[in-house]
N, C-alpha and C. Protein backbone atom coordinates (compact mmCIF):
# COMPACT_ATOMS: atom_id res chain seq x y z
N MET A 1 215.87 179.61 170.53
CA MET A 1 216.01 178.58 169.54
C MET A 1 217.34 178.76 168.84
N LEU A 2 218.00 177.63 168.57
CA LEU A 2 219.30 177.62 167.94
C LEU A 2 219.13 177.55 166.43
N ALA A 3 219.74 178.47 165.74
CA ALA A 3 219.63 178.49 164.29
C ALA A 3 220.90 177.91 163.69
N LEU A 4 220.75 176.97 162.77
CA LEU A 4 221.87 176.34 162.08
C LEU A 4 221.73 176.57 160.60
N ASP A 5 222.87 176.78 159.98
CA ASP A 5 222.82 176.81 158.52
C ASP A 5 223.23 175.45 158.01
N LEU A 6 223.23 175.26 156.72
CA LEU A 6 223.49 173.97 156.10
C LEU A 6 224.90 173.47 156.40
N ASP A 7 225.89 174.33 156.36
CA ASP A 7 227.27 173.91 156.62
C ASP A 7 227.45 173.43 158.07
N ASP A 8 226.84 174.15 159.02
CA ASP A 8 226.92 173.73 160.42
C ASP A 8 226.25 172.37 160.63
N ALA A 9 225.12 172.18 160.00
CA ALA A 9 224.41 170.91 160.13
C ALA A 9 225.24 169.76 159.55
N LYS A 10 225.90 170.00 158.40
CA LYS A 10 226.75 168.98 157.80
C LYS A 10 227.92 168.65 158.73
N THR A 11 228.54 169.66 159.31
CA THR A 11 229.68 169.45 160.20
C THR A 11 229.25 168.68 161.45
N ILE A 12 228.13 169.07 162.04
CA ILE A 12 227.64 168.38 163.24
C ILE A 12 227.28 166.93 162.92
N SER A 13 226.66 166.70 161.78
CA SER A 13 226.29 165.33 161.42
C SER A 13 227.54 164.49 161.15
N LEU A 14 228.58 165.08 160.53
CA LEU A 14 229.82 164.36 160.29
C LEU A 14 230.50 164.00 161.62
N ILE A 15 230.51 164.94 162.55
CA ILE A 15 231.09 164.68 163.87
C ILE A 15 230.28 163.60 164.60
N ALA A 16 228.97 163.69 164.53
CA ALA A 16 228.12 162.71 165.19
C ALA A 16 228.33 161.31 164.62
N VAL A 17 228.41 161.20 163.29
CA VAL A 17 228.65 159.90 162.65
C VAL A 17 230.01 159.36 163.07
N THR A 18 231.04 160.22 163.09
CA THR A 18 232.38 159.78 163.49
C THR A 18 232.38 159.30 164.94
N VAL A 19 231.75 160.03 165.84
CA VAL A 19 231.68 159.64 167.25
C VAL A 19 230.91 158.33 167.39
N LEU A 20 229.82 158.17 166.67
CA LEU A 20 229.03 156.94 166.75
C LEU A 20 229.80 155.73 166.21
N VAL A 21 230.54 155.90 165.13
CA VAL A 21 231.32 154.79 164.57
C VAL A 21 232.44 154.41 165.55
N ILE A 22 233.13 155.41 166.09
CA ILE A 22 234.18 155.13 167.07
C ILE A 22 233.57 154.47 168.31
N GLY A 23 232.43 154.94 168.74
CA GLY A 23 231.74 154.35 169.89
C GLY A 23 231.32 152.91 169.61
N ALA A 24 230.84 152.64 168.40
CA ALA A 24 230.44 151.28 168.04
C ALA A 24 231.65 150.34 168.04
N ILE A 25 232.77 150.81 167.50
CA ILE A 25 233.99 149.98 167.50
C ILE A 25 234.46 149.74 168.93
N ALA A 26 234.44 150.78 169.74
CA ALA A 26 234.84 150.63 171.15
C ALA A 26 233.89 149.69 171.88
N ALA A 27 232.61 149.79 171.59
CA ALA A 27 231.64 148.90 172.23
C ALA A 27 231.86 147.46 171.81
N LEU A 28 232.12 147.23 170.52
CA LEU A 28 232.41 145.87 170.07
C LEU A 28 233.66 145.32 170.74
N TRP A 29 234.70 146.12 170.86
CA TRP A 29 235.93 145.67 171.51
C TRP A 29 235.67 145.39 172.98
N PHE A 30 234.97 146.29 173.66
CA PHE A 30 234.68 146.13 175.08
C PHE A 30 233.79 144.92 175.31
N LEU A 31 232.76 144.77 174.53
CA LEU A 31 231.85 143.64 174.71
C LEU A 31 232.55 142.32 174.40
N GLN A 32 233.42 142.32 173.42
CA GLN A 32 234.17 141.10 173.11
C GLN A 32 235.07 140.75 174.29
N THR A 33 235.73 141.73 174.85
CA THR A 33 236.57 141.50 176.01
C THR A 33 235.72 141.07 177.20
N LEU A 34 234.58 141.70 177.39
CA LEU A 34 233.68 141.34 178.48
C LEU A 34 233.16 139.93 178.30
N ALA A 35 232.82 139.57 177.07
CA ALA A 35 232.34 138.22 176.80
C ALA A 35 233.43 137.19 177.10
N ARG A 36 234.66 137.50 176.75
CA ARG A 36 235.77 136.58 177.05
C ARG A 36 235.95 136.44 178.56
N LYS A 37 235.87 137.55 179.27
CA LYS A 37 236.01 137.50 180.72
C LYS A 37 234.89 136.67 181.34
N LEU A 38 233.67 136.88 180.88
CA LEU A 38 232.54 136.12 181.41
C LEU A 38 232.67 134.64 181.08
N LEU A 39 233.10 134.32 179.86
CA LEU A 39 233.27 132.92 179.46
C LEU A 39 234.36 132.26 180.31
N PHE A 40 235.49 132.94 180.47
CA PHE A 40 236.57 132.40 181.29
C PHE A 40 236.11 132.21 182.73
N SER A 41 235.39 133.18 183.26
CA SER A 41 234.89 133.07 184.63
C SER A 41 233.93 131.91 184.78
N ALA A 42 233.06 131.71 183.81
CA ALA A 42 232.11 130.60 183.86
C ALA A 42 232.84 129.26 183.82
N ILE A 43 233.86 129.15 182.99
CA ILE A 43 234.64 127.91 182.92
C ILE A 43 235.38 127.68 184.23
N ALA A 44 235.97 128.72 184.81
CA ALA A 44 236.69 128.59 186.07
C ALA A 44 235.74 128.17 187.19
N VAL A 45 234.55 128.73 187.23
CA VAL A 45 233.56 128.36 188.25
C VAL A 45 233.12 126.92 188.06
N ALA A 46 232.95 126.48 186.82
CA ALA A 46 232.57 125.09 186.56
C ALA A 46 233.65 124.13 187.02
N PHE A 47 234.91 124.45 186.74
CA PHE A 47 236.00 123.60 187.23
C PHE A 47 236.07 123.60 188.75
N ALA A 48 235.89 124.76 189.37
CA ALA A 48 235.91 124.84 190.83
C ALA A 48 234.80 123.99 191.43
N PHE A 49 233.62 124.02 190.83
CA PHE A 49 232.51 123.20 191.31
C PHE A 49 232.82 121.72 191.16
N ALA A 50 233.42 121.34 190.04
CA ALA A 50 233.77 119.93 189.82
C ALA A 50 234.79 119.45 190.85
N VAL A 51 235.79 120.26 191.12
CA VAL A 51 236.81 119.89 192.10
C VAL A 51 236.18 119.83 193.50
N TRP A 52 235.33 120.78 193.82
CA TRP A 52 234.67 120.79 195.13
C TRP A 52 233.78 119.56 195.30
N SER A 53 233.09 119.15 194.26
CA SER A 53 232.22 117.98 194.37
C SER A 53 233.04 116.70 194.53
N GLN A 54 234.26 116.68 194.00
CA GLN A 54 235.12 115.52 194.17
C GLN A 54 235.68 115.43 195.59
N ARG A 55 235.65 116.53 196.30
CA ARG A 55 236.16 116.56 197.67
C ARG A 55 235.40 115.55 198.53
N GLU A 56 234.09 115.53 198.40
CA GLU A 56 233.28 114.60 199.17
C GLU A 56 233.61 113.16 198.80
N ALA A 57 233.79 112.91 197.52
CA ALA A 57 234.16 111.55 197.08
C ALA A 57 235.51 111.14 197.65
N LEU A 58 236.45 112.08 197.72
CA LEU A 58 237.77 111.75 198.27
C LEU A 58 237.69 111.48 199.77
N VAL A 59 236.86 112.24 200.48
CA VAL A 59 236.70 112.01 201.92
C VAL A 59 236.08 110.63 202.15
N GLU A 60 235.05 110.30 201.38
CA GLU A 60 234.42 108.98 201.50
C GLU A 60 235.43 107.87 201.18
N CYS A 61 236.26 108.09 200.19
CA CYS A 61 237.26 107.10 199.81
C CYS A 61 238.29 106.94 200.92
N ALA A 62 238.71 108.04 201.52
CA ALA A 62 239.68 107.96 202.62
C ALA A 62 239.09 107.16 203.77
N ASP A 63 237.82 107.38 204.07
CA ASP A 63 237.16 106.61 205.13
C ASP A 63 237.10 105.14 204.75
N LYS A 64 236.81 104.88 203.49
CA LYS A 64 236.71 103.51 203.00
C LYS A 64 238.07 102.80 203.10
N VAL A 65 239.14 103.52 202.75
CA VAL A 65 240.48 102.93 202.81
C VAL A 65 240.86 102.66 204.26
N SER A 66 240.57 103.62 205.14
CA SER A 66 240.95 103.42 206.54
C SER A 66 240.17 102.27 207.17
N GLU A 67 238.98 101.96 206.66
CA GLU A 67 238.20 100.83 207.16
C GLU A 67 238.62 99.51 206.51
N SER A 68 239.47 99.56 205.51
CA SER A 68 239.85 98.36 204.76
C SER A 68 241.10 97.69 205.29
N PHE A 69 241.59 98.11 206.46
CA PHE A 69 242.76 97.45 207.03
C PHE A 69 242.34 96.15 207.70
N VAL A 70 243.11 95.13 207.50
CA VAL A 70 242.87 93.83 208.12
C VAL A 70 244.14 93.45 208.87
N LEU A 71 243.97 93.01 210.10
CA LEU A 71 245.13 92.58 210.87
C LEU A 71 245.42 91.12 210.54
N ALA A 72 246.61 90.87 210.03
CA ALA A 72 247.04 89.51 209.72
C ALA A 72 248.34 89.27 210.46
N GLU A 73 248.31 88.40 211.43
CA GLU A 73 249.48 88.08 212.26
C GLU A 73 250.06 89.34 212.91
N GLY A 74 249.20 90.23 213.34
CA GLY A 74 249.63 91.44 214.03
C GLY A 74 250.06 92.57 213.11
N ASN A 75 250.16 92.31 211.80
CA ASN A 75 250.54 93.36 210.85
C ASN A 75 249.30 93.83 210.10
N PRO A 76 249.10 95.13 210.03
CA PRO A 76 247.96 95.62 209.26
C PRO A 76 248.20 95.45 207.76
N THR A 77 247.21 94.97 207.07
CA THR A 77 247.29 94.80 205.62
C THR A 77 246.11 95.54 205.01
N LEU A 78 246.37 96.27 203.96
CA LEU A 78 245.32 97.02 203.29
C LEU A 78 244.68 96.14 202.23
N VAL A 79 243.39 95.96 202.35
CA VAL A 79 242.64 95.23 201.34
C VAL A 79 242.43 96.17 200.16
N ASP A 80 242.53 95.65 198.93
CA ASP A 80 242.32 96.50 197.75
C ASP A 80 240.99 97.24 197.86
N THR A 81 241.04 98.52 197.63
CA THR A 81 239.87 99.37 197.74
C THR A 81 239.70 100.14 196.44
N ASP A 82 238.49 100.15 195.93
CA ASP A 82 238.20 100.91 194.70
C ASP A 82 237.58 102.24 195.06
N CYS A 83 238.12 103.30 194.48
CA CYS A 83 237.61 104.66 194.65
C CYS A 83 237.40 105.26 193.27
N THR A 84 236.62 106.30 193.21
CA THR A 84 236.44 107.00 191.94
C THR A 84 236.95 108.43 192.08
N PHE A 85 237.55 108.91 191.01
CA PHE A 85 238.02 110.28 190.94
C PHE A 85 237.68 110.80 189.56
N PHE A 86 236.77 111.76 189.49
CA PHE A 86 236.25 112.30 188.24
C PHE A 86 235.74 111.18 187.33
N GLY A 87 235.08 110.19 187.94
CA GLY A 87 234.46 109.12 187.18
C GLY A 87 235.39 107.96 186.85
N ALA A 88 236.66 108.09 187.12
CA ALA A 88 237.61 107.01 186.84
C ALA A 88 237.78 106.18 188.12
N THR A 89 237.78 104.86 187.95
CA THR A 89 237.96 103.97 189.10
C THR A 89 239.44 103.82 189.39
N VAL A 90 239.79 104.06 190.64
CA VAL A 90 241.17 103.96 191.09
C VAL A 90 241.22 102.87 192.16
N THR A 91 242.09 101.86 191.98
CA THR A 91 242.24 100.80 192.96
C THR A 91 243.44 101.12 193.83
N ILE A 92 243.21 101.14 195.13
CA ILE A 92 244.28 101.41 196.09
C ILE A 92 244.65 100.08 196.72
N SER A 93 245.89 99.68 196.52
CA SER A 93 246.40 98.42 197.06
C SER A 93 247.37 98.71 198.20
N ASP A 94 247.71 97.69 198.94
CA ASP A 94 248.69 97.82 200.01
C ASP A 94 250.04 98.15 199.37
N PRO A 95 250.62 99.31 199.68
CA PRO A 95 251.88 99.69 199.03
C PRO A 95 253.04 98.77 199.40
N ARG A 96 252.94 98.08 200.52
CA ARG A 96 254.03 97.19 200.92
C ARG A 96 254.12 95.98 200.02
N SER A 97 253.01 95.58 199.38
CA SER A 97 253.06 94.43 198.50
C SER A 97 253.95 94.72 197.29
N ASP A 98 253.99 95.99 196.83
CA ASP A 98 254.88 96.36 195.72
C ASP A 98 256.34 96.33 196.18
N ASP A 99 256.60 96.78 197.42
CA ASP A 99 257.97 96.77 197.95
C ASP A 99 258.47 95.35 198.14
N ASP A 100 257.57 94.44 198.59
CA ASP A 100 257.97 93.06 198.79
C ASP A 100 258.30 92.37 197.47
N ALA A 101 257.55 92.71 196.42
CA ALA A 101 257.78 92.09 195.10
C ALA A 101 259.07 92.61 194.50
N ALA A 102 259.39 93.89 194.75
CA ALA A 102 260.61 94.46 194.17
C ALA A 102 261.85 94.01 194.94
N GLY A 103 261.70 93.73 196.22
CA GLY A 103 262.85 93.42 197.05
C GLY A 103 263.06 91.97 197.13
C-alpha cells in the first residue's frame, strides 16, 4: 500500500487538476476542429451529390437538344429547347440565328 502525506496529496491533486484542465482545453480545440472538418465534409458531399444528380438532367437535355434538329431546305435548324439546370430553366436556341441577326 502506498502511503501519502498531506503535502504529497496536495501536489498530486494540483498536478491532476492542471492536466485535466489542459486536457479539457485540448479536447475543446480538437473537437471544434473536428466539428469544422465534419461540417465542411458534409457540405462538400452535399454539393457533390447535387452536381452528380444534375448530370442525369444534362444528359437528358443533350438528348433532347439532339432530337430537336429540324431539316429545313437541307440545313439543320435547332428548335428552341428548354432544359433545367439546378431548377433554373435554360432555353437553348439555334446559335446561327444570333449570328444571322448580328451580321
